[in-house]
Amino acid sequence: MIHYYSTAAYIRLSREDGDKAESDSITNQKEMLRIYMENHEELILKDFYVEM
């Protein structure tokens, strides 16, 4: 039996990205987290939290 967990992903802006509306860092982190979640079916992504 698989136990499922509601999960939120925390993403932080890289200082290297400057003042872009959505940085390359944020976009890359979201993609990496999506891939991770796809490979862990017990984790249910509910939301992203982004610190800029």
PDB file of N, CA and C in Angstrom:
ATOM      1  N   MET A   1       0.840  -1.181   0.000  1.00  0.00           N
ATOM      2  CA  MET A   1       0.000   0.000   0.000  1.00  0.00           C
ATOM      3  C   MET A   1       0.889   1.250   0.000  1.00  0.00           C
ATOM      4  N   ILE A   2       0.618   2.134  -0.930  1.00  0.00           N
ATOM      5  CA  ILE A   2       1.388   3.383  -1.029  1.00  0.00           C
ATOM      6  C   ILE A   2       0.705   4.468  -0.199  1.00  0.00           C
ATOM      7  N   HIS A   3       1.494   5.173   0.580  1.00  0.00           N
ATOM      8  CA  HIS A   3       0.995   6.341   1.316  1.00  0.00           C
ATOM      9  C   HIS A   3       1.308   7.573   0.480  1.00  0.00           C
ATOM     10  N   TYR A   4       0.315   8.421   0.303  1.00  0.00           N
ATOM     11  CA  TYR A   4       0.480   9.636  -0.486  1.00  0.00           C
ATOM     12  C   TYR A   4       0.656  10.839   0.430  1.00  0.00           C
ATOM     13  N   TYR A   5       1.486  11.776  -0.026  1.00  0.00           N
ATOM     14  CA  TYR A   5       1.795  12.957   0.774  1.00  0.00           C
ATOM     15  C   TYR A   5       1.584  14.216  -0.061  1.00  0.00           C
ATOM     16  N   SER A   6       0.772  15.128   0.428  1.00  0.00           N
ATOM     17  CA  SER A   6       0.633  16.438  -0.204  1.00  0.00           C
ATOM     18  C   SER A   6       1.950  17.175  -0.009  1.00  0.00           C
ATOM     19  N   THR A   7       2.467  17.729  -1.087  1.00  0.00           N
ATOM     20  CA  THR A   7       3.800  18.306  -1.059  1.00  0.00           C
ATOM     21  C   THR A   7       3.807  19.686  -1.709  1.00  0.00           C
ATOM     22  N   ALA A   8       4.570  20.589  -1.130  1.00  0.00           N
ATOM     23  CA  ALA A   8       4.808  21.899  -1.727  1.00  0.00           C
ATOM     24  C   ALA A   8       6.289  21.987  -2.068  1.00  0.00           C
ATOM     25  N   ALA A   9       6.601  22.699  -3.135  1.00  0.00           N
ATOM     26  CA  ALA A   9       7.986  22.858  -3.566  1.00  0.00           C
ATOM     27  C   ALA A   9       8.425  24.296  -3.305  1.00  0.00           C
ATOM     28  N   TYR A  10       9.582  24.448  -2.684  1.00  0.00           N
ATOM     29  CA  TYR A  10      10.139  25.772  -2.374  1.00  0.00           C
ATOM     30  C   TYR A  10      11.259  26.066  -3.362  1.00  0.00           C
ATOM     31  N   ILE A  11      11.172  27.219  -4.000  1.00  0.00           N
ATOM     32  CA  ILE A  11      12.146  27.621  -5.006  1.00  0.00           C
ATOM     33  C   ILE A  11      12.675  29.000  -4.621  1.00  0.00           C
ATOM     34  N   ARG A  12      13.972  29.176  -4.802  1.00  0.00           N
ATOM     35  CA  ARG A  12      14.597  30.444  -4.413  1.00  0.00           C
ATOM     36  C   ARG A  12      15.322  31.050  -5.598  1.00  0.00           C
ATOM     37  N   LEU A  13      15.170  32.351  -5.790  1.00  0.00           N
ATOM     38  CA  LEU A  13      15.809  33.081  -6.876  1.00  0.00           C
ATOM     39  C   LEU A  13      17.321  33.127  -6.675  1.00  0.00           C
ATOM     40  N   SER A  14      18.031  32.859  -7.744  1.00  0.00           N
ATOM     41  CA  SER A  14      19.482  32.977  -7.715  1.00  0.00           C
ATOM     42  C   SER A  14      19.870  34.440  -7.882  1.00  0.00           C
ATOM     43  N   ARG A  15      20.820  34.902  -7.142  1.00  0.00           N
ATOM     44  CA  ARG A  15      21.298  36.293  -7.260  1.00  0.00           C
ATOM     45  C   ARG A  15      21.895  36.553  -8.641  1.00  0.00           C
ATOM     46  N   GLU A  16      22.349  35.502  -9.301  1.00  0.00           N
ATOM     47  CA  GLU A  16      22.967  35.643 -10.619  1.00  0.00           C
ATOM     48  C   GLU A  16      21.962  36.047 -11.687  1.00  0.00           C
ATOM     49  N   ASP A  17      20.665  35.866 -11.429  1.00  0.00           N
ATOM     50  CA  ASP A  17      19.646  36.152 -12.432  1.00  0.00           C
ATOM     51  C   ASP A  17      19.192  37.605 -12.432  1.00  0.00           C
ATOM     52  N   GLY A  18      19.627  38.393 -11.493  1.00  0.00           N
ATOM     53  CA  GLY A  18      19.287  39.813 -11.475  1.00  0.00           C
ATOM     54  C   GLY A  18      17.811  40.068 -11.281  1.00  0.00           C
ATOM     55  N   ASP A  19      17.254  40.955 -12.103  1.00  0.00           N
ATOM     56  CA  ASP A  19      15.872  41.419 -11.924  1.00  0.00           C
ATOM     57  C   ASP A  19      14.885  40.835 -12.917  1.00  0.00           C
ATOM     58  N   LYS A  20      15.162  39.710 -13.532  1.00  0.00           N
ATOM     59  CA  LYS A  20      14.226  39.107 -14.479  1.00  0.00           C
ATOM     60  C   LYS A  20      12.919  38.776 -13.770  1.00  0.00           C
ATOM     61  N   ALA A  21      11.800  38.877 -14.479  1.00  0.00           N
ATOM     62  CA  ALA A  21      10.487  38.565 -13.892  1.00  0.00           C
ATOM     63  C   ALA A  21      10.460  37.124 -13.388  1.00  0.00           C
ATOM     64  N   GLU A  22      10.784  36.167 -14.238  1.00  0.00           N
ATOM     65  CA  GLU A  22      10.975  34.786 -13.780  1.00  0.00           C
ATOM     66  C   GLU A  22      12.316  34.349 -14.321  1.00  0.00           C
ATOM     67  N   SER A  23      13.226  34.137 -13.439  1.00  0.00           N
ATOM     68  CA  SER A  23      14.600  33.875 -13.823  1.00  0.00           C
ATOM     69  C   SER A  23      14.775  32.493 -14.428  1.00  0.00           C
ATOM     70  N   ASP A  24      15.916  32.323 -15.082  1.00  0.00           N
ATOM     71  CA  ASP A  24      16.270  31.001 -15.594  1.00  0.00           C
ATOM     72  C   ASP A  24      16.399  30.022 -14.441  1.00  0.00           C
ATOM     73  N   SER A  25      16.912  30.497 -13.324  1.00  0.00           N
ATOM     74  CA  SER A  25      17.069  29.673 -12.136  1.00  0.00           C
ATOM     75  C   SER A  25      15.720  29.134 -11.660  1.00  0.00           C
ATOM     76  N   ILE A  26      14.717  29.993 -11.592  1.00  0.00           N
ATOM     77  CA  ILE A  26      13.373  29.587 -11.148  1.00  0.00           C
ATOM     78  C   ILE A  26      12.799  28.560 -12.123  1.00  0.00           C
ATOM     79  N   THR A  27      12.894  28.842 -13.403  1.00  0.00           N
ATOM     80  CA  THR A  27      12.374  27.937 -14.424  1.00  0.00           C
ATOM     81  C   THR A  27      13.052  26.574 -14.333  1.00  0.00           C
ATOM     82  N   ASN A  28      14.368  26.567 -14.194  1.00  0.00           N
ATOM     83  CA  ASN A  28      15.111  25.305 -14.099  1.00  0.00           C
ATOM     84  C   ASN A  28      14.745  24.535 -12.830  1.00  0.00           C
ATOM     85  N   GLN A  29      14.609  25.243 -11.718  1.00  0.00           N
ATOM     86  CA  GLN A  29      14.256  24.571 -10.466  1.00  0.00           C
ATOM     87  C   GLN A  29      12.863  23.947 -10.555  1.00  0.00           C
ATOM     88  N   LYS A  30      11.913  24.668 -11.156  1.00  0.00           N
ATOM     89  CA  LYS A  30      10.562  24.118 -11.320  1.00  0.00           C
ATOM     90  C   LYS A  30      10.598  22.836 -12.141  1.00  0.00           C
ATOM     91  N   GLU A  31      11.358  22.851 -13.226  1.00  0.00           N
ATOM     92  CA  GLU A  31      11.439  21.671 -14.092  1.00  0.00           C
ATOM     93  C   GLU A  31      12.079  20.493 -13.353  1.00  0.00           C
ATOM     94  N   MET A  32      13.151  20.742 -12.625  1.00  0.00           N
ATOM     95  CA  MET A  32      13.807  19.668 -11.870  1.00  0.00           C
ATOM     96  C   MET A  32      12.860  19.080 -10.825  1.00  0.00           C
ATOM     97  N   LEU A  33      12.103  19.945 -10.154  1.00  0.00           N
ATOM     98  CA  LEU A  33      11.161  19.468  -9.139  1.00  0.00           C
ATOM     99  C   LEU A  33      10.009  18.694  -9.765  1.00  0.00           C
ATOM    100  N   ARG A  34       9.531  19.131 -10.917  1.00  0.00           N
ATOM    101  CA  ARG A  34       8.472  18.382 -11.605  1.00  0.00           C
ATOM    102  C   ARG A  34       8.942  16.974 -11.969  1.00  0.00           C
ATOM    103  N   ILE A  35      10.150  16.881 -12.490  1.00  0.00           N
ATOM    104  CA  ILE A  35      10.712  15.580 -12.857  1.00  0.00           C
ATOM    105  C   ILE A  35      10.856  14.702 -11.617  1.00  0.00           C
ATOM    106  N   TYR A  36      11.354  15.281 -10.535  1.00  0.00           N
ATOM    107  CA  TYR A  36      11.500  14.524  -9.288  1.00  0.00           C
ATOM    108  C   TYR A  36      10.151  13.987  -8.822  1.00  0.00           C
ATOM    109  N   MET A  37       9.135  14.851  -8.859  1.00  0.00           N
ATOM    110  CA  MET A  37       7.797  14.452  -8.398  1.00  0.00           C
ATOM    111  C   MET A  37       7.211  13.361  -9.284  1.00  0.00           C
ATOM    112  N   GLU A  38       7.459  13.432 -10.588  1.00  0.00           N
ATOM    113  CA  GLU A  38       6.972  12.399 -11.506  1.00  0.00           C
ATOM    114  C   GLU A  38       7.565  11.035 -11.168  1.00  0.00           C
ATOM    115  N   ASN A  39       8.779  11.034 -10.643  1.00  0.00           N
ATOM    116  CA  ASN A  39       9.461   9.786 -10.308  1.00  0.00           C
ATOM    117  C   ASN A  39       9.175   9.297  -8.888  1.00  0.00           C
ATOM    118  N   HIS A  40       8.373  10.046  -8.146  1.00  0.00           N
ATOM    119  CA  HIS A  40       8.007   9.680  -6.781  1.00  0.00           C
ATOM    120  C   HIS A  40       6.490   9.801  -6.650  1.00  0.00           C
ATOM    121  N   GLU A  41       5.795   8.763  -7.085  1.00  0.00           N
ATOM    122  CA  GLU A  41       4.338   8.815  -7.174  1.00  0.00           C
ATOM    123  C   GLU A  41       3.646   9.036  -5.840  1.00  0.00           C
ATOM    124  N   GLU A  42       4.337   8.820  -4.742  1.00  0.00           N
ATOM    125  CA  GLU A  42       3.731   9.026  -3.429  1.00  0.00           C
ATOM    126  C   GLU A  42       3.633  10.519  -3.072  1.00  0.00           C
ATOM    127  N   LEU A  43       4.348  11.369  -3.813  1.00  0.00           N
ATOM    128  CA  LEU A  43       4.324  12.807  -3.559  1.00  0.00           C
ATOM    129  C   LEU A  43       3.350  13.493  -4.510  1.00  0.00           C
ATOM    130  N   ILE A  44       2.408  14.211  -3.956  1.00  0.00           N
ATOM    131  CA  ILE A  44       1.416  14.926  -4.742  1.00  0.00           C
ATOM    132  C   ILE A  44       1.719  16.424  -4.639  1.00  0.00           C
ATOM    133  N   LEU A  45       2.154  17.023  -5.734  1.00  0.00           N
ATOM    134  CA  LEU A  45       2.521  18.438  -5.735  1.00  0.00           C
ATOM    135  C   LEU A  45       1.276  19.298  -5.664  1.00  0.00           C
ATOM    136  N   LYS A  46       1.179  20.084  -4.611  1.00  0.00           N
ATOM    137  CA  LYS A  46       0.046  20.981  -4.420  1.00  0.00           C
ATOM    138  C   LYS A  46       0.347  22.404  -4.855  1.00  0.00           C
ATOM    139  N   ASP A  47       1.606  22.851  -4.665  1.00  0.00           N
ATOM    140  CA  ASP A  47       1.919  24.233  -5.004  1.00  0.00           C
ATOM    141  C   ASP A  47       3.429  24.454  -5.008  1.00  0.00           C
ATOM    142  N   PHE A  48       3.831  25.507  -5.705  1.00  0.00           N
ATOM    143  CA  PHE A  48       5.199  25.998  -5.667  1.00  0.00           C
ATOM    144  C   PHE A  48       5.221  27.261  -4.817  1.00  0.00           C
ATOM    145  N   TYR A  49       6.231  27.415  -4.001  1.00  0.00           N
ATOM    146  CA  TYR A  49       6.464  28.653  -3.267  1.00  0.00           C
ATOM    147  C   TYR A  49       7.775  29.219  -3.781  1.00  0.00           C
ATOM    148  N   VAL A  50       7.730  30.461  -4.271  1.00  0.00           N
ATOM    149  CA  VAL A  50       8.896  31.061  -4.890  1.00  0.00           C
ATOM    150  C   VAL A  50       9.325  32.284  -4.087  1.00  0.00           C
ATOM    151  N   GLU A  51      10.591  32.286  -3.676  1.00  0.00           N
ATOM    152  CA  GLU A  51      11.164  33.436  -2.968  1.00  0.00           C
ATOM    153  C   GLU A  51      12.024  34.208  -3.951  1.00  0.00           C
ATOM    154  N   MET A  52      11.705  35.478  -4.103  1.00  0.00           N
ATOM    155  CA  MET A  52      12.474  36.316  -5.037  1.00  0.00           C
ATOM    156  C   MET A  52      13.134  37.447  -4.307  1.00  0.00           C
TER     157      MET A  52
END
